[in-house]
Amino acid sequence: MTKRDSLRSVHEQIKKALPPIIGVCQGAMVLHDTLFLDLTIERMEKVLKPKVDGAIYLDEIFFRQPLDFFVFLSSMAAITGNPGQSAYGAANMFLAGLASQRRRRGVAASTAHIGAIVGNGYVTRELSLSQQVQLQKVGHTWMSEQDFFQIFAEAVISSPPRPGPNPEYFTGLRMFYADEDEKPHYAKSPVFSHLTLHRNVAGILSGGSTAIVSVKAQLSKATSADEVYRILKGK
């Protein structure tokens, strides 16, 4: 994936020996978690090249060719952020940007930001049980293979160019209660407020008198910019 000539050679072999290509999925990846302060050019390139260079080379090959789909597989780490994965997050967000460029050219593209899959994939294969438990604590949840097939199918169906925003699909974050002691690190972001659960419909904590009001309801009653800012900050 990181060698243009090699990829073009494989493409030529496919064209000669197999039926026409009608769809492409870019799922290459390399993980090399490193704190931002410790990043070197070598470490960044190790993570960036499979996704960035590989996607560019595939885009060159299928620049104008009509395809039924061109799906870029990204990660939820690019959306929520993950300690030690700044380069990985950047590589994944590049895919979403390239997908948007392709659609503006009038060719197929869509992006699926996925999480861990139960019993399959990199997380199950490479991470220890304690590491997987830590992922759960910071907000990630496991999806089944059927879940993955479903989101991939949706990305395929939405891939052909049409008017409207660039289609991106997100999965792999757990829902959490507003009064949890250990909420995910993204819990205070209004972007993920739809994942917040409340203990009952009335919005009152069981056994107490503290009201939990949704962000939307609080904003509807805000009367100043400072109050809006305080609500969005979660204070």
C-alpha atoms as a PDB file:
ATOM      1  CA  MET A   1       0.000   0.000   0.000  1.00  0.00           C
ATOM      2  CA  THR A   2       2.874   2.398   0.620  1.00  0.00           C
ATOM      3  CA  LYS A   3       4.605   1.685  -2.711  1.00  0.00           C
ATOM      4  CA  ARG A   4       2.932   3.278  -5.742  1.00  0.00           C
ATOM      5  CA  ASP A   5       4.591   1.046  -8.356  1.00  0.00           C
ATOM      6  CA  SER A   6       3.764  -2.134  -6.440  1.00  0.00           C
ATOM      7  CA  LEU A   7       0.115  -1.146  -6.073  1.00  0.00           C
ATOM      8  CA  ARG A   8      -0.171  -0.247  -9.755  1.00  0.00           C
ATOM      9  CA  SER A   9       1.387  -3.592 -10.679  1.00  0.00           C
ATOM     10  CA  VAL A  10      -1.182  -5.485  -8.603  1.00  0.00           C
ATOM     11  CA  HIS A  11      -3.958  -3.449 -10.222  1.00  0.00           C
ATOM     12  CA  GLU A  12      -2.715  -4.367 -13.701  1.00  0.00           C
ATOM     13  CA  GLN A  13      -2.627  -8.054 -12.757  1.00  0.00           C
ATOM     14  CA  ILE A  14      -6.202  -7.859 -11.476  1.00  0.00           C
ATOM     15  CA  LYS A  15      -7.377  -6.186 -14.682  1.00  0.00           C
ATOM     16  CA  LYS A  16      -5.828  -8.942 -16.790  1.00  0.00           C
ATOM     17  CA  ALA A  17      -6.985 -11.938 -14.758  1.00  0.00           C
ATOM     18  CA  LEU A  18     -10.259 -10.938 -13.079  1.00  0.00           C
ATOM     19  CA  PRO A  19     -13.586  -9.248 -13.865  1.00  0.00           C
ATOM     20  CA  PRO A  20     -13.745  -5.423 -13.755  1.00  0.00           C
ATOM     21  CA  ILE A  21     -13.336  -3.792 -10.337  1.00  0.00           C
ATOM     22  CA  ILE A  22     -16.613  -2.219  -9.204  1.00  0.00           C
ATOM     23  CA  GLY A  23     -15.719  -1.280  -5.628  1.00  0.00           C
ATOM     24  CA  VAL A  24     -12.763  -0.425  -3.404  1.00  0.00           C
ATOM     25  CA  CYS A  25     -12.262  -0.520   0.376  1.00  0.00           C
ATOM     26  CA  GLN A  26      -9.197   1.097   1.929  1.00  0.00           C
ATOM     27  CA  GLY A  27      -8.589  -0.610   5.269  1.00  0.00           C
ATOM     28  CA  ALA A  28      -4.788  -0.532   5.614  1.00  0.00           C
ATOM     29  CA  MET A  29      -3.411   0.527   8.998  1.00  0.00           C
ATOM     30  CA  VAL A  30      -0.355   0.498  11.246  1.00  0.00           C
ATOM     31  CA  LEU A  31      -0.560   1.408  14.942  1.00  0.00           C
ATOM     32  CA  HIS A  32       2.443   2.821  16.761  1.00  0.00           C
ATOM     33  CA  ASP A  33       1.140   4.698  19.783  1.00  0.00           C
ATOM     34  CA  THR A  34       3.443   7.519  20.867  1.00  0.00           C
ATOM     35  CA  LEU A  35       2.915  10.570  23.030  1.00  0.00           C
ATOM     36  CA  PHE A  36       2.874  13.738  20.939  1.00  0.00           C
ATOM     37  CA  LEU A  37       6.046  15.073  22.579  1.00  0.00           C
ATOM     38  CA  ASP A  38       7.884  11.885  21.617  1.00  0.00           C
ATOM     39  CA  LEU A  39       6.769  11.789  17.976  1.00  0.00           C
ATOM     40  CA  THR A  40       9.529  11.644  15.386  1.00  0.00           C
ATOM     41  CA  ILE A  41       9.237  11.865  11.609  1.00  0.00           C
ATOM     42  CA  GLU A  42       9.985   8.156  11.351  1.00  0.00           C
ATOM     43  CA  ARG A  43       7.202   7.216  13.793  1.00  0.00           C
ATOM     44  CA  MET A  44       4.726   9.530  12.104  1.00  0.00           C
ATOM     45  CA  GLU A  45       5.485   8.143   8.650  1.00  0.00           C
ATOM     46  CA  LYS A  46       5.094   4.585   9.913  1.00  0.00           C
ATOM     47  CA  VAL A  47       1.518   5.390  10.944  1.00  0.00           C
ATOM     48  CA  LEU A  48       0.592   7.864   8.197  1.00  0.00           C
ATOM     49  CA  LYS A  49       1.838   6.087   5.087  1.00  0.00           C
ATOM     50  CA  PRO A  50      -0.472   3.026   5.009  1.00  0.00           C
ATOM     51  CA  LYS A  51      -3.576   5.191   5.239  1.00  0.00           C
ATOM     52  CA  VAL A  52      -2.489   8.481   3.640  1.00  0.00           C
ATOM     53  CA  ASP A  53      -0.122   7.310   0.894  1.00  0.00           C
ATOM     54  CA  GLY A  54      -2.151   4.161   0.274  1.00  0.00           C
ATOM     55  CA  ALA A  55      -5.368   6.163  -0.120  1.00  0.00           C
ATOM     56  CA  ILE A  56      -3.683   8.660  -2.449  1.00  0.00           C
ATOM     57  CA  TYR A  57      -2.344   5.874  -4.691  1.00  0.00           C
ATOM     58  CA  LEU A  58      -5.745   4.164  -4.816  1.00  0.00           C
ATOM     59  CA  ASP A  59      -7.388   7.484  -5.631  1.00  0.00           C
ATOM     60  CA  GLU A  60      -4.927   7.986  -8.485  1.00  0.00           C
ATOM     61  CA  ILE A  61      -5.783   4.585  -9.939  1.00  0.00           C
ATOM     62  CA  PHE A  62      -9.546   5.125  -9.656  1.00  0.00           C
ATOM     63  CA  PHE A  63      -9.494   8.900 -10.144  1.00  0.00           C
ATOM     64  CA  ARG A  64     -12.232   9.004 -12.789  1.00  0.00           C
ATOM     65  CA  GLN A  65     -13.315   5.373 -13.002  1.00  0.00           C
ATOM     66  CA  PRO A  66     -16.989   4.887 -12.096  1.00  0.00           C
ATOM     67  CA  LEU A  67     -17.288   2.646  -9.046  1.00  0.00           C
ATOM     68  CA  ASP A  68     -20.263   1.336  -7.107  1.00  0.00           C
ATOM     69  CA  PHE A  69     -18.454   2.246  -3.892  1.00  0.00           C
ATOM     70  CA  PHE A  70     -15.159   3.474  -2.467  1.00  0.00           C
ATOM     71  CA  VAL A  71     -15.227   3.000   1.326  1.00  0.00           C
ATOM     72  CA  PHE A  72     -12.531   4.380   3.611  1.00  0.00           C
ATOM     73  CA  LEU A  73     -12.286   2.563   6.963  1.00  0.00           C
ATOM     74  CA  SER A  74     -11.399   5.047   9.687  1.00  0.00           C
ATOM     75  CA  SER A  75     -11.393   4.789  13.495  1.00  0.00           C
ATOM     76  CA  MET A  76     -13.447   6.372  16.274  1.00  0.00           C
ATOM     77  CA  ALA A  77     -10.089   7.390  17.756  1.00  0.00           C
ATOM     78  CA  ALA A  78     -10.022  10.105  15.100  1.00  0.00           C
ATOM     79  CA  ILE A  79     -13.324  11.499  16.389  1.00  0.00           C
ATOM     80  CA  THR A  80     -12.887  11.338  20.160  1.00  0.00           C
ATOM     81  CA  GLY A  81      -9.108  11.556  20.368  1.00  0.00           C
ATOM     82  CA  ASN A  82      -6.948   8.983  22.122  1.00  0.00           C
ATOM     83  CA  PRO A  83      -3.787   9.475  24.206  1.00  0.00           C
ATOM     84  CA  GLY A  84      -0.754   8.497  22.127  1.00  0.00           C
ATOM     85  CA  GLN A  85      -2.688   8.353  18.851  1.00  0.00           C
ATOM     86  CA  SER A  86      -2.399  11.871  17.432  1.00  0.00           C
ATOM     87  CA  ALA A  87      -0.690  10.602  14.264  1.00  0.00           C
ATOM     88  CA  TYR A  88      -3.234   7.796  13.898  1.00  0.00           C
ATOM     89  CA  GLY A  89      -6.103  10.234  14.346  1.00  0.00           C
ATOM     90  CA  ALA A  90      -4.643  12.541  11.700  1.00  0.00           C
ATOM     91  CA  ALA A  91      -4.216   9.644   9.262  1.00  0.00           C
ATOM     92  CA  ASN A  92      -7.849   8.634   9.681  1.00  0.00           C
ATOM     93  CA  MET A  93      -9.221  12.148   9.313  1.00  0.00           C
ATOM     94  CA  PHE A  94      -7.261  12.455   6.072  1.00  0.00           C
ATOM     95  CA  LEU A  95      -9.421   9.653   4.707  1.00  0.00           C
ATOM     96  CA  ALA A  96     -12.602  11.613   5.420  1.00  0.00           C
ATOM     97  CA  GLY A  97     -11.115  14.653   3.665  1.00  0.00           C
ATOM     98  CA  LEU A  98     -10.128  12.627   0.612  1.00  0.00           C
ATOM     99  CA  ALA A  99     -13.602  11.083   0.481  1.00  0.00           C
ATOM    100  CA  SER A 100     -15.075  14.578   0.398  1.00  0.00           C
ATOM    101  CA  GLN A 101     -12.725  15.560  -2.446  1.00  0.00           C
ATOM    102  CA  ARG A 102     -13.721  12.494  -4.459  1.00  0.00           C
ATOM    103  CA  ARG A 103     -17.416  13.248  -4.118  1.00  0.00           C
ATOM    104  CA  ARG A 104     -16.850  16.812  -5.304  1.00  0.00           C
ATOM    105  CA  ARG A 105     -15.239  15.278  -8.411  1.00  0.00           C
ATOM    106  CA  GLY A 106     -18.373  13.223  -8.955  1.00  0.00           C
ATOM    107  CA  VAL A 107     -16.988   9.802  -8.026  1.00  0.00           C
ATOM    108  CA  ALA A 108     -17.915   7.375  -5.229  1.00  0.00           C
ATOM    109  CA  ALA A 109     -16.611   7.758  -1.669  1.00  0.00           C
ATOM    110  CA  SER A 110     -17.783   7.327   1.924  1.00  0.00           C
ATOM    111  CA  THR A 111     -16.137   6.939   5.340  1.00  0.00           C
ATOM    112  CA  ALA A 112     -16.870   4.582   8.247  1.00  0.00           C
ATOM    113  CA  HIS A 113     -15.341   5.435  11.635  1.00  0.00           C
ATOM    114  CA  ILE A 114     -15.452   2.102  13.436  1.00  0.00           C
ATOM    115  CA  GLY A 115     -14.531   0.771  16.863  1.00  0.00           C
ATOM    116  CA  ALA A 116     -13.586  -2.626  18.246  1.00  0.00           C
ATOM    117  CA  ILE A 117     -15.315  -5.802  17.012  1.00  0.00           C
ATOM    118  CA  VAL A 118     -16.155  -8.663  19.390  1.00  0.00           C
ATOM    119  CA  GLY A 119     -13.848 -11.631  18.825  1.00  0.00           C
ATOM    120  CA  ASN A 120     -12.298 -10.168  15.694  1.00  0.00           C
ATOM    121  CA  GLY A 121      -9.917  -7.497  14.469  1.00  0.00           C
ATOM    122  CA  TYR A 122      -6.841  -5.786  15.839  1.00  0.00           C
ATOM    123  CA  VAL A 123      -8.105  -4.997  19.359  1.00  0.00           C
ATOM    124  CA  THR A 124      -9.132  -8.583  20.101  1.00  0.00           C
ATOM    125  CA  ARG A 125      -5.968  -9.979  18.534  1.00  0.00           C
ATOM    126  CA  GLU A 126      -3.330  -7.622  19.922  1.00  0.00           C
ATOM    127  CA  LEU A 127      -4.584  -6.030  23.164  1.00  0.00           C
ATOM    128  CA  SER A 128      -4.492  -7.719  26.565  1.00  0.00           C
ATOM    129  CA  LEU A 129      -7.679  -8.122  28.602  1.00  0.00           C
ATOM    130  CA  SER A 130      -6.645  -5.272  30.929  1.00  0.00           C
ATOM    131  CA  GLN A 131      -6.070  -2.987  27.934  1.00  0.00           C
ATOM    132  CA  GLN A 132      -9.488  -3.869  26.548  1.00  0.00           C
ATOM    133  CA  VAL A 133     -11.066  -3.111  29.928  1.00  0.00           C
ATOM    134  CA  GLN A 134      -9.356   0.275  29.899  1.00  0.00           C
ATOM    135  CA  LEU A 135     -10.814   0.990  26.454  1.00  0.00           C
ATOM    136  CA  GLN A 136     -14.253   0.275  27.874  1.00  0.00           C
ATOM    137  CA  LYS A 137     -13.628   2.703  30.755  1.00  0.00           C
ATOM    138  CA  VAL A 138     -12.661   5.574  28.462  1.00  0.00           C
ATOM    139  CA  GLY A 139     -15.867   5.112  26.491  1.00  0.00           C
ATOM    140  CA  HIS A 140     -15.405   2.519  23.756  1.00  0.00           C
ATOM    141  CA  THR A 141     -17.825  -0.346  23.256  1.00  0.00           C
ATOM    142  CA  TRP A 142     -17.594  -3.540  21.238  1.00  0.00           C
ATOM    143  CA  MET A 143     -19.775  -4.227  18.227  1.00  0.00           C
ATOM    144  CA  SER A 144     -20.625  -7.598  16.730  1.00  0.00           C
ATOM    145  CA  GLU A 145     -19.522  -8.714  13.284  1.00  0.00           C
ATOM    146  CA  GLN A 146     -23.133  -8.245  12.186  1.00  0.00           C
ATOM    147  CA  ASP A 147     -22.958  -4.621  13.378  1.00  0.00           C
ATOM    148  CA  PHE A 148     -19.847  -4.120  11.272  1.00  0.00           C
ATOM    149  CA  PHE A 149     -21.472  -5.717   8.215  1.00  0.00           C
ATOM    150  CA  GLN A 150     -24.436  -3.379   8.686  1.00  0.00           C
ATOM    151  CA  ILE A 151     -22.393  -0.175   8.876  1.00  0.00           C
ATOM    152  CA  PHE A 152     -20.217  -1.292   5.956  1.00  0.00           C
ATOM    153  CA  ALA A 153     -23.337  -1.984   3.894  1.00  0.00           C
ATOM    154  CA  GLU A 154     -24.665   1.482   4.706  1.00  0.00           C
ATOM    155  CA  ALA A 155     -21.329   3.016   3.672  1.00  0.00           C
ATOM    156  CA  VAL A 156     -21.500   1.090   0.376  1.00  0.00           C
ATOM    157  CA  ILE A 157     -25.066   2.213  -0.348  1.00  0.00           C
ATOM    158  CA  SER A 158     -24.288   5.879   0.376  1.00  0.00           C
ATOM    159  CA  SER A 159     -20.971   5.895  -1.482  1.00  0.00           C
ATOM    160  CA  PRO A 160     -22.199   6.927  -4.978  1.00  0.00           C
ATOM    161  CA  PRO A 161     -22.055  10.741  -5.368  1.00  0.00           C
ATOM    162  CA  ARG A 162     -25.263  12.665  -4.804  1.00  0.00           C
ATOM    163  CA  PRO A 163     -26.178  16.139  -3.509  1.00  0.00           C
ATOM    164  CA  GLY A 164     -25.697  16.696   0.198  1.00  0.00           C
ATOM    165  CA  PRO A 165     -22.972  16.333   2.829  1.00  0.00           C
ATOM    166  CA  ASN A 166     -20.170  13.800   2.671  1.00  0.00           C
ATOM    167  CA  PRO A 167     -21.479  10.586   4.281  1.00  0.00           C
ATOM    168  CA  GLU A 168     -19.565   9.529   7.389  1.00  0.00           C
ATOM    169  CA  TYR A 169     -20.682   6.757   9.731  1.00  0.00           C
ATOM    170  CA  PHE A 170     -19.699   6.541  13.392  1.00  0.00           C
ATOM    171  CA  THR A 171     -19.909   3.579  15.751  1.00  0.00           C
ATOM    172  CA  GLY A 172     -18.120   2.187  18.774  1.00  0.00           C
ATOM    173  CA  LEU A 173     -18.904   4.610  21.615  1.00  0.00           C
ATOM    174  CA  ARG A 174     -20.854   3.549  24.680  1.00  0.00           C
ATOM    175  CA  MET A 175     -23.754   5.433  26.230  1.00  0.00           C
ATOM    176  CA  PHE A 176     -23.298   6.649  29.807  1.00  0.00           C
ATOM    177  CA  TYR A 177     -25.370   7.952  32.701  1.00  0.00           C
ATOM    178  CA  ALA A 178     -25.121  11.628  33.556  1.00  0.00           C
ATOM    179  CA  ASP A 179     -24.383  10.806  37.218  1.00  0.00           C
ATOM    180  CA  GLU A 180     -21.697   8.167  36.596  1.00  0.00           C
ATOM    181  CA  ASP A 181     -18.503   8.554  38.616  1.00  0.00           C
ATOM    182  CA  GLU A 182     -16.294   7.427  35.718  1.00  0.00           C
ATOM    183  CA  LYS A 183     -17.760   8.933  32.575  1.00  0.00           C
ATOM    184  CA  PRO A 184     -15.899   8.712  29.213  1.00  0.00           C
ATOM    185  CA  HIS A 185     -13.344  11.423  28.516  1.00  0.00           C
ATOM    186  CA  TYR A 186     -15.596  12.882  25.823  1.00  0.00           C
ATOM    187  CA  ALA A 187     -18.633  13.142  28.144  1.00  0.00           C
ATOM    188  CA  LYS A 188     -18.394  16.940  28.573  1.00  0.00           C
ATOM    189  CA  SER A 189     -18.363  17.600  24.838  1.00  0.00           C
ATOM    190  CA  PRO A 190     -21.777  18.714  23.532  1.00  0.00           C
ATOM    191  CA  VAL A 191     -20.984  16.818  20.320  1.00  0.00           C
ATOM    192  CA  PHE A 192     -21.632  13.569  22.219  1.00  0.00           C
ATOM    193  CA  SER A 193     -24.499  14.781  24.423  1.00  0.00           C
ATOM    194  CA  HIS A 194     -26.894  12.410  22.638  1.00  0.00           C
ATOM    195  CA  LEU A 195     -25.083   9.520  24.333  1.00  0.00           C
ATOM    196  CA  THR A 196     -26.021  10.739  27.829  1.00  0.00           C
ATOM    197  CA  LEU A 197     -28.624   8.661  29.697  1.00  0.00           C
ATOM    198  CA  HIS A 198     -30.789   9.816  32.615  1.00  0.00           C
ATOM    199  CA  ARG A 199     -32.125   7.677  35.434  1.00  0.00           C
ATOM    200  CA  ASN A 200     -35.802   8.238  34.646  1.00  0.00           C
ATOM    201  CA  VAL A 201     -38.078  10.111  32.276  1.00  0.00           C
ATOM    202  CA  ALA A 202     -38.672  12.919  34.785  1.00  0.00           C
ATOM    203  CA  GLY A 203     -34.964  13.562  34.904  1.00  0.00           C
ATOM    204  CA  ILE A 204     -34.704  13.245  38.718  1.00  0.00           C
ATOM    205  CA  LEU A 205     -32.062  11.078  40.334  1.00  0.00           C
ATOM    206  CA  SER A 206     -33.530   8.177  42.292  1.00  0.00           C
ATOM    207  CA  GLY A 207     -33.546   8.834  45.998  1.00  0.00           C
ATOM    208  CA  GLY A 208     -32.603  12.485  45.698  1.00  0.00           C
ATOM    209  CA  SER A 209     -33.771  15.886  44.629  1.00  0.00           C
ATOM    210  CA  THR A 210     -31.097  16.835  42.084  1.00  0.00           C
ATOM    211  CA  ALA A 211     -32.558  17.500  38.664  1.00  0.00           C
ATOM    212  CA  ILE A 212     -30.729  16.337  35.529  1.00  0.00           C
ATOM    213  CA  VAL A 213     -31.856  18.439  32.617  1.00  0.00           C
ATOM    214  CA  SER A 214     -30.739  17.770  29.051  1.00  0.00           C
ATOM    215  CA  VAL A 215     -28.336  20.184  27.379  1.00  0.00           C
ATOM    216  CA  LYS A 216     -31.027  21.041  24.819  1.00  0.00           C
ATOM    217  CA  ALA A 217     -33.515  21.968  27.550  1.00  0.00           C
ATOM    218  CA  GLN A 218     -30.934  24.076  29.389  1.00  0.00           C
ATOM    219  CA  LEU A 219     -29.973  25.935  26.217  1.00  0.00           C
ATOM    220  CA  SER A 220     -33.620  26.707  25.444  1.00  0.00           C
ATOM    221  CA  LYS A 221     -33.829  28.636  28.717  1.00  0.00           C
ATOM    222  CA  ALA A 222     -30.459  30.380  28.512  1.00  0.00           C
ATOM    223  CA  THR A 223     -30.675  34.174  28.405  1.00  0.00           C
ATOM    224  CA  SER A 224     -27.057  35.209  27.832  1.00  0.00           C
ATOM    225  CA  ALA A 225     -23.942  34.168  25.956  1.00  0.00           C
ATOM    226  CA  ASP A 226     -22.167  33.493  29.270  1.00  0.00           C
ATOM    227  CA  GLU A 227     -24.934  31.139  30.349  1.00  0.00           C
ATOM    228  CA  VAL A 228     -24.788  29.291  27.018  1.00  0.00           C
ATOM    229  CA  TYR A 229     -21.014  28.926  27.412  1.00  0.00           C
ATOM    230  CA  ARG A 230     -21.406  27.597  30.986  1.00  0.00           C
ATOM    231  CA  ILE A 231     -24.001  25.016  29.863  1.00  0.00           C
ATOM    232  CA  LEU A 232     -21.851  23.787  26.985  1.00  0.00           C
ATOM    233  CA  LYS A 233     -18.825  23.506  29.286  1.00  0.00           C
ATOM    234  CA  GLY A 234     -20.908  21.368  31.633  1.00  0.00           C
ATOM    235  CA  LYS A 235     -20.435  23.601  34.675  1.00  0.00           C
END
